[in-house]
Amino acid sequence: MVSYRIIAIPEAIAHAVRTSLASPQYGYPAHAEVAQGYGPCRLCLHTFGVGQERRILFTYDPFEETGAPPLPGPVYIHETACQRYMEDAGFPKELLQHPLTLQAYGHNRRLVAEDAVPDGQVEPVMERLLARADVDYIHVRDTGAGCFDFRIERAEIAKNVDIEAVEVSSC
């Protein structure tokens, strides 16, 4: 069994978005609204209470730490502060009820495999992908919307990455 870590967006990114209502990576305006979809929040990785909770939509590049060129896309976080998902907490259980796509990336952000998981059976797919020598990390995406949810890394890789060392700029 491969030991892994779940990598939610950095707390510094979420704080900057909530404070400025702009994407800290690009400066584009962020938008706050009542949740129309389940999400998840890219910081705590909990699904949103549709029609109940407020969320912020902003532009985020999940590849910023892993390579260029940038590939930004839309993501959501809770409008109010929430706790970042713990890296060693295992796969977020709330997300197993939704169709997910696991995209495995190798050196220089090269997509080496992609598997749709419609039935919540993420663990065997994740194990198989992380066992491959050519896979550096996995992006988990919502299959329907295609949006980035979070990254998965082998535990020994994640220990060497300072995920909070993100330069926040106002382009």
C-alpha atoms as a PDB file:
ATOM      1  CA  MET A   1       0.000   0.000   0.000  1.00  0.00           C
ATOM      2  CA  VAL A   2       1.366   3.403  -1.027  1.00  0.00           C
ATOM      3  CA  SER A   3       1.344   6.070   1.669  1.00  0.00           C
ATOM      4  CA  TYR A   4      -0.128   9.314   0.355  1.00  0.00           C
ATOM      5  CA  ARG A   5      -1.082  12.850   1.322  1.00  0.00           C
ATOM      6  CA  ILE A   6      -4.062  14.939   0.281  1.00  0.00           C
ATOM      7  CA  ILE A   7      -2.977  18.431  -0.757  1.00  0.00           C
ATOM      8  CA  ALA A   8      -5.729  21.070  -0.514  1.00  0.00           C
ATOM      9  CA  ILE A   9      -5.045  24.613  -1.676  1.00  0.00           C
ATOM     10  CA  PRO A  10      -2.722  26.584   0.628  1.00  0.00           C
ATOM     11  CA  GLU A  11      -4.285  28.512   3.511  1.00  0.00           C
ATOM     12  CA  ALA A  12      -2.475  31.637   2.303  1.00  0.00           C
ATOM     13  CA  ILE A  13      -4.400  31.498  -0.988  1.00  0.00           C
ATOM     14  CA  ALA A  14      -7.782  31.121   0.757  1.00  0.00           C
ATOM     15  CA  HIS A  15      -6.983  33.934   3.199  1.00  0.00           C
ATOM     16  CA  ALA A  16      -5.925  36.260   0.372  1.00  0.00           C
ATOM     17  CA  VAL A  17      -9.117  35.518  -1.590  1.00  0.00           C
ATOM     18  CA  ARG A  18     -11.355  36.139   1.413  1.00  0.00           C
ATOM     19  CA  THR A  19      -9.519  39.351   2.279  1.00  0.00           C
ATOM     20  CA  SER A  20      -9.307  40.914  -1.187  1.00  0.00           C
ATOM     21  CA  LEU A  21     -12.122  39.156  -3.123  1.00  0.00           C
ATOM     22  CA  ALA A  22      -9.620  38.644  -5.917  1.00  0.00           C
ATOM     23  CA  SER A  23      -7.493  35.782  -7.191  1.00  0.00           C
ATOM     24  CA  PRO A  24      -4.087  36.190  -5.535  1.00  0.00           C
ATOM     25  CA  GLN A  25      -2.388  34.449  -8.454  1.00  0.00           C
ATOM     26  CA  TYR A  26      -3.946  36.616 -11.174  1.00  0.00           C
ATOM     27  CA  GLY A  27      -5.755  39.565  -9.608  1.00  0.00           C
ATOM     28  CA  TYR A  28      -9.052  38.651 -11.284  1.00  0.00           C
ATOM     29  CA  PRO A  29     -12.139  39.514  -9.238  1.00  0.00           C
ATOM     30  CA  ALA A  30     -13.651  36.773  -7.103  1.00  0.00           C
ATOM     31  CA  HIS A  31     -17.401  36.237  -6.832  1.00  0.00           C
ATOM     32  CA  ALA A  32     -19.335  35.347  -3.650  1.00  0.00           C
ATOM     33  CA  GLU A  33     -22.712  33.604  -3.841  1.00  0.00           C
ATOM     34  CA  VAL A  34     -24.975  31.052  -2.189  1.00  0.00           C
ATOM     35  CA  ALA A  35     -23.812  27.579  -3.212  1.00  0.00           C
ATOM     36  CA  GLN A  36     -25.591  26.297  -6.315  1.00  0.00           C
ATOM     37  CA  GLY A  37     -23.505  23.109  -6.401  1.00  0.00           C
ATOM     38  CA  TYR A  38     -21.843  20.763  -3.947  1.00  0.00           C
ATOM     39  CA  GLY A  39     -18.282  21.960  -4.583  1.00  0.00           C
ATOM     40  CA  PRO A  40     -16.178  20.976  -2.655  1.00  0.00           C
ATOM     41  CA  CYS A  41     -14.455  23.819  -0.844  1.00  0.00           C
ATOM     42  CA  ARG A  42     -10.857  23.523  -2.076  1.00  0.00           C
ATOM     43  CA  LEU A  43      -9.476  24.288   1.375  1.00  0.00           C
ATOM     44  CA  CYS A  44     -11.452  22.080   3.797  1.00  0.00           C
ATOM     45  CA  LEU A  45     -12.624  19.656   1.047  1.00  0.00           C
ATOM     46  CA  HIS A  46     -16.141  19.499   2.512  1.00  0.00           C
ATOM     47  CA  THR A  47     -19.068  19.693   0.134  1.00  0.00           C
ATOM     48  CA  PHE A  48     -21.231  22.812   0.237  1.00  0.00           C
ATOM     49  CA  GLY A  49     -24.772  22.905   1.572  1.00  0.00           C
ATOM     50  CA  VAL A  50     -26.536  23.762  -1.694  1.00  0.00           C
ATOM     51  CA  GLY A  51     -28.777  26.796  -1.215  1.00  0.00           C
ATOM     52  CA  GLN A  52     -27.474  27.236   2.334  1.00  0.00           C
ATOM     53  CA  GLU A  53     -23.755  28.032   2.499  1.00  0.00           C
ATOM     54  CA  ARG A  54     -21.987  30.923   0.818  1.00  0.00           C
ATOM     55  CA  ARG A  55     -18.935  30.298  -1.291  1.00  0.00           C
ATOM     56  CA  ILE A  56     -16.372  32.313  -3.236  1.00  0.00           C
ATOM     57  CA  LEU A  57     -15.522  31.511  -6.846  1.00  0.00           C
ATOM     58  CA  PHE A  58     -12.031  32.516  -7.990  1.00  0.00           C
ATOM     59  CA  THR A  59      -9.356  31.690 -10.554  1.00  0.00           C
ATOM     60  CA  TYR A  60      -6.683  29.270  -9.344  1.00  0.00           C
ATOM     61  CA  ASP A  61      -3.734  27.530 -11.007  1.00  0.00           C
ATOM     62  CA  PRO A  62      -3.226  24.097  -9.414  1.00  0.00           C
ATOM     63  CA  PHE A  63       0.013  23.676 -11.366  1.00  0.00           C
ATOM     64  CA  GLU A  64       1.717  26.762  -9.907  1.00  0.00           C
ATOM     65  CA  GLU A  65       3.929  24.631  -7.644  1.00  0.00           C
ATOM     66  CA  THR A  66       4.574  21.898 -10.196  1.00  0.00           C
ATOM     67  CA  GLY A  67       5.379  23.556 -13.514  1.00  0.00           C
ATOM     68  CA  ALA A  68       4.740  26.050 -16.282  1.00  0.00           C
ATOM     69  CA  PRO A  69       2.890  27.290 -18.276  1.00  0.00           C
ATOM     70  CA  PRO A  70      -0.026  28.196 -16.014  1.00  0.00           C
ATOM     71  CA  LEU A  71      -3.349  26.411 -16.442  1.00  0.00           C
ATOM     72  CA  PRO A  72      -5.843  28.408 -14.361  1.00  0.00           C
ATOM     73  CA  GLY A  73      -9.423  27.401 -13.771  1.00  0.00           C
ATOM     74  CA  PRO A  74     -12.395  28.107 -11.491  1.00  0.00           C
ATOM     75  CA  VAL A  75     -12.466  26.856  -7.883  1.00  0.00           C
ATOM     76  CA  TYR A  76     -14.583  27.541  -4.792  1.00  0.00           C
ATOM     77  CA  ILE A  77     -13.882  28.038  -1.098  1.00  0.00           C
ATOM     78  CA  HIS A  78     -16.202  28.767   1.814  1.00  0.00           C
ATOM     79  CA  GLU A  79     -16.842  32.482   2.205  1.00  0.00           C
ATOM     80  CA  THR A  80     -16.117  32.209   5.926  1.00  0.00           C
ATOM     81  CA  ALA A  81     -12.979  30.723   7.425  1.00  0.00           C
ATOM     82  CA  CYS A  82     -12.651  26.943   7.539  1.00  0.00           C
ATOM     83  CA  GLN A  83      -9.866  24.535   8.461  1.00  0.00           C
ATOM     84  CA  ARG A  84      -7.534  23.216   5.758  1.00  0.00           C
ATOM     85  CA  TYR A  85      -7.981  19.485   5.135  1.00  0.00           C
ATOM     86  CA  MET A  86      -5.304  17.535   6.973  1.00  0.00           C
ATOM     87  CA  GLU A  87      -2.841  15.956   4.564  1.00  0.00           C
ATOM     88  CA  ASP A  88      -2.778  12.636   6.398  1.00  0.00           C
ATOM     89  CA  ALA A  89      -6.565  12.333   6.866  1.00  0.00           C
ATOM     90  CA  GLY A  90      -7.031   9.968   3.916  1.00  0.00           C
ATOM     91  CA  PHE A  91      -9.292  10.468   0.949  1.00  0.00           C
ATOM     92  CA  PRO A  92     -12.200  12.860   1.739  1.00  0.00           C
ATOM     93  CA  LYS A  93     -15.174  10.579   2.414  1.00  0.00           C
ATOM     94  CA  GLU A  94     -17.779  13.182   1.362  1.00  0.00           C
ATOM     95  CA  LEU A  95     -16.390  13.179  -2.171  1.00  0.00           C
ATOM     96  CA  LEU A  96     -16.719   9.428  -2.704  1.00  0.00           C
ATOM     97  CA  GLN A  97     -20.400   9.844  -3.578  1.00  0.00           C
ATOM     98  CA  HIS A  98     -19.558  11.986  -6.615  1.00  0.00           C
ATOM     99  CA  PRO A  99     -18.039  10.946  -9.961  1.00  0.00           C
ATOM    100  CA  LEU A 100     -14.364  11.860  -9.918  1.00  0.00           C
ATOM    101  CA  THR A 101     -11.550  11.778 -12.457  1.00  0.00           C
ATOM    102  CA  LEU A 102      -7.990  11.066 -11.373  1.00  0.00           C
ATOM    103  CA  GLN A 103      -5.343  12.587 -13.619  1.00  0.00           C
ATOM    104  CA  ALA A 104      -1.818  11.263 -13.030  1.00  0.00           C
ATOM    105  CA  TYR A 105       1.054  13.572 -13.941  1.00  0.00           C
ATOM    106  CA  GLY A 106       4.729  12.839 -14.430  1.00  0.00           C
ATOM    107  CA  HIS A 107       7.841  14.943 -14.912  1.00  0.00           C
ATOM    108  CA  ASN A 108       7.264  18.403 -16.446  1.00  0.00           C
ATOM    109  CA  ARG A 109       3.536  18.196 -15.795  1.00  0.00           C
ATOM    110  CA  ARG A 110       3.040  15.515 -18.433  1.00  0.00           C
ATOM    111  CA  LEU A 111      -0.333  13.753 -18.197  1.00  0.00           C
ATOM    112  CA  VAL A 112       0.487  10.030 -18.130  1.00  0.00           C
ATOM    113  CA  ALA A 113      -2.875   8.504 -17.142  1.00  0.00           C
ATOM    114  CA  GLU A 114      -6.478   9.478 -16.540  1.00  0.00           C
ATOM    115  CA  ASP A 115      -9.149   7.340 -14.909  1.00  0.00           C
ATOM    116  CA  ALA A 116     -12.800   8.157 -14.297  1.00  0.00           C
ATOM    117  CA  VAL A 117     -14.157   6.780 -11.016  1.00  0.00           C
ATOM    118  CA  PRO A 118     -17.974   6.948 -11.101  1.00  0.00           C
ATOM    119  CA  ASP A 119     -18.659   4.619  -8.163  1.00  0.00           C
ATOM    120  CA  GLY A 120     -16.571   5.854  -5.227  1.00  0.00           C
ATOM    121  CA  GLN A 121     -13.945   3.119  -5.641  1.00  0.00           C
ATOM    122  CA  VAL A 122     -11.092   5.640  -5.612  1.00  0.00           C
ATOM    123  CA  GLU A 123      -8.568   3.770  -3.436  1.00  0.00           C
ATOM    124  CA  PRO A 124      -7.634   0.987  -5.907  1.00  0.00           C
ATOM    125  CA  VAL A 125      -7.310   3.463  -8.790  1.00  0.00           C
ATOM    126  CA  MET A 126      -5.225   5.829  -6.684  1.00  0.00           C
ATOM    127  CA  GLU A 127      -3.010   2.965  -5.455  1.00  0.00           C
ATOM    128  CA  ARG A 128      -2.435   1.740  -9.009  1.00  0.00           C
ATOM    129  CA  LEU A 129      -1.543   5.210 -10.280  1.00  0.00           C
ATOM    130  CA  LEU A 130       0.794   6.051  -7.374  1.00  0.00           C
ATOM    131  CA  ALA A 131       2.566   2.702  -7.825  1.00  0.00           C
ATOM    132  CA  ARG A 132       3.670   3.774 -11.303  1.00  0.00           C
ATOM    133  CA  ALA A 133       7.250   5.085 -11.446  1.00  0.00           C
ATOM    134  CA  ASP A 134       6.302   7.695 -14.056  1.00  0.00           C
ATOM    135  CA  VAL A 135       3.650   9.330 -11.823  1.00  0.00           C
ATOM    136  CA  ASP A 136       4.719  12.261  -9.631  1.00  0.00           C
ATOM    137  CA  TYR A 137       1.268  13.337  -8.371  1.00  0.00           C
ATOM    138  CA  ILE A 138      -2.457  13.063  -9.115  1.00  0.00           C
ATOM    139  CA  HIS A 139      -5.047  15.774  -9.620  1.00  0.00           C
ATOM    140  CA  VAL A 140      -8.553  14.878  -8.506  1.00  0.00           C
ATOM    141  CA  ARG A 141     -11.223  16.568 -10.602  1.00  0.00           C
ATOM    142  CA  ASP A 142     -15.000  16.610 -10.649  1.00  0.00           C
ATOM    143  CA  THR A 143     -15.921  14.446 -13.647  1.00  0.00           C
ATOM    144  CA  GLY A 144     -19.003  16.471 -14.606  1.00  0.00           C
ATOM    145  CA  ALA A 145     -17.546  19.974 -14.353  1.00  0.00           C
ATOM    146  CA  GLY A 146     -13.873  19.119 -14.906  1.00  0.00           C
ATOM    147  CA  CYS A 147     -12.838  21.417 -12.054  1.00  0.00           C
ATOM    148  CA  PHE A 148      -9.713  20.795  -9.977  1.00  0.00           C
ATOM    149  CA  ASP A 149     -10.543  19.599  -6.451  1.00  0.00           C
ATOM    150  CA  PHE A 150      -7.168  18.711  -4.862  1.00  0.00           C
ATOM    151  CA  ARG A 151      -3.813  16.993  -5.407  1.00  0.00           C
ATOM    152  CA  ILE A 152      -2.602  13.621  -4.146  1.00  0.00           C
ATOM    153  CA  GLU A 153       1.109  12.945  -3.602  1.00  0.00           C
ATOM    154  CA  ARG A 154       3.110  10.085  -2.190  1.00  0.00           C
ATOM    155  CA  ALA A 155       3.825  10.890   1.460  1.00  0.00           C
ATOM    156  CA  GLU A 156       7.594  10.879   0.930  1.00  0.00           C
ATOM    157  CA  ILE A 157       7.252  13.486  -1.858  1.00  0.00           C
ATOM    158  CA  ALA A 158       4.876  15.749   0.054  1.00  0.00           C
ATOM    159  CA  LYS A 159       7.236  15.928   3.041  1.00  0.00           C
ATOM    160  CA  ASN A 160       9.770  17.770   0.907  1.00  0.00           C
ATOM    161  CA  VAL A 161       7.325  20.387  -0.422  1.00  0.00           C
ATOM    162  CA  ASP A 162       6.624  23.564   1.548  1.00  0.00           C
ATOM    163  CA  ILE A 163       3.004  24.005   0.491  1.00  0.00           C
ATOM    164  CA  GLU A 164       2.576  27.201   2.505  1.00  0.00           C
ATOM    165  CA  ALA A 165       5.458  28.965   0.742  1.00  0.00           C
ATOM    166  CA  VAL A 166       3.270  30.554  -1.903  1.00  0.00           C
ATOM    167  CA  GLU A 167       4.029  34.030  -3.117  1.00  0.00           C
ATOM    168  CA  VAL A 168       0.816  36.024  -3.103  1.00  0.00           C
ATOM    169  CA  SER A 169       0.852  38.813  -5.656  1.00  0.00           C
ATOM    170  CA  SER A 170      -1.659  41.305  -6.945  1.00  0.00           C
ATOM    171  CA  CYS A 171      -1.106  41.245 -10.691  1.00  0.00           C
END
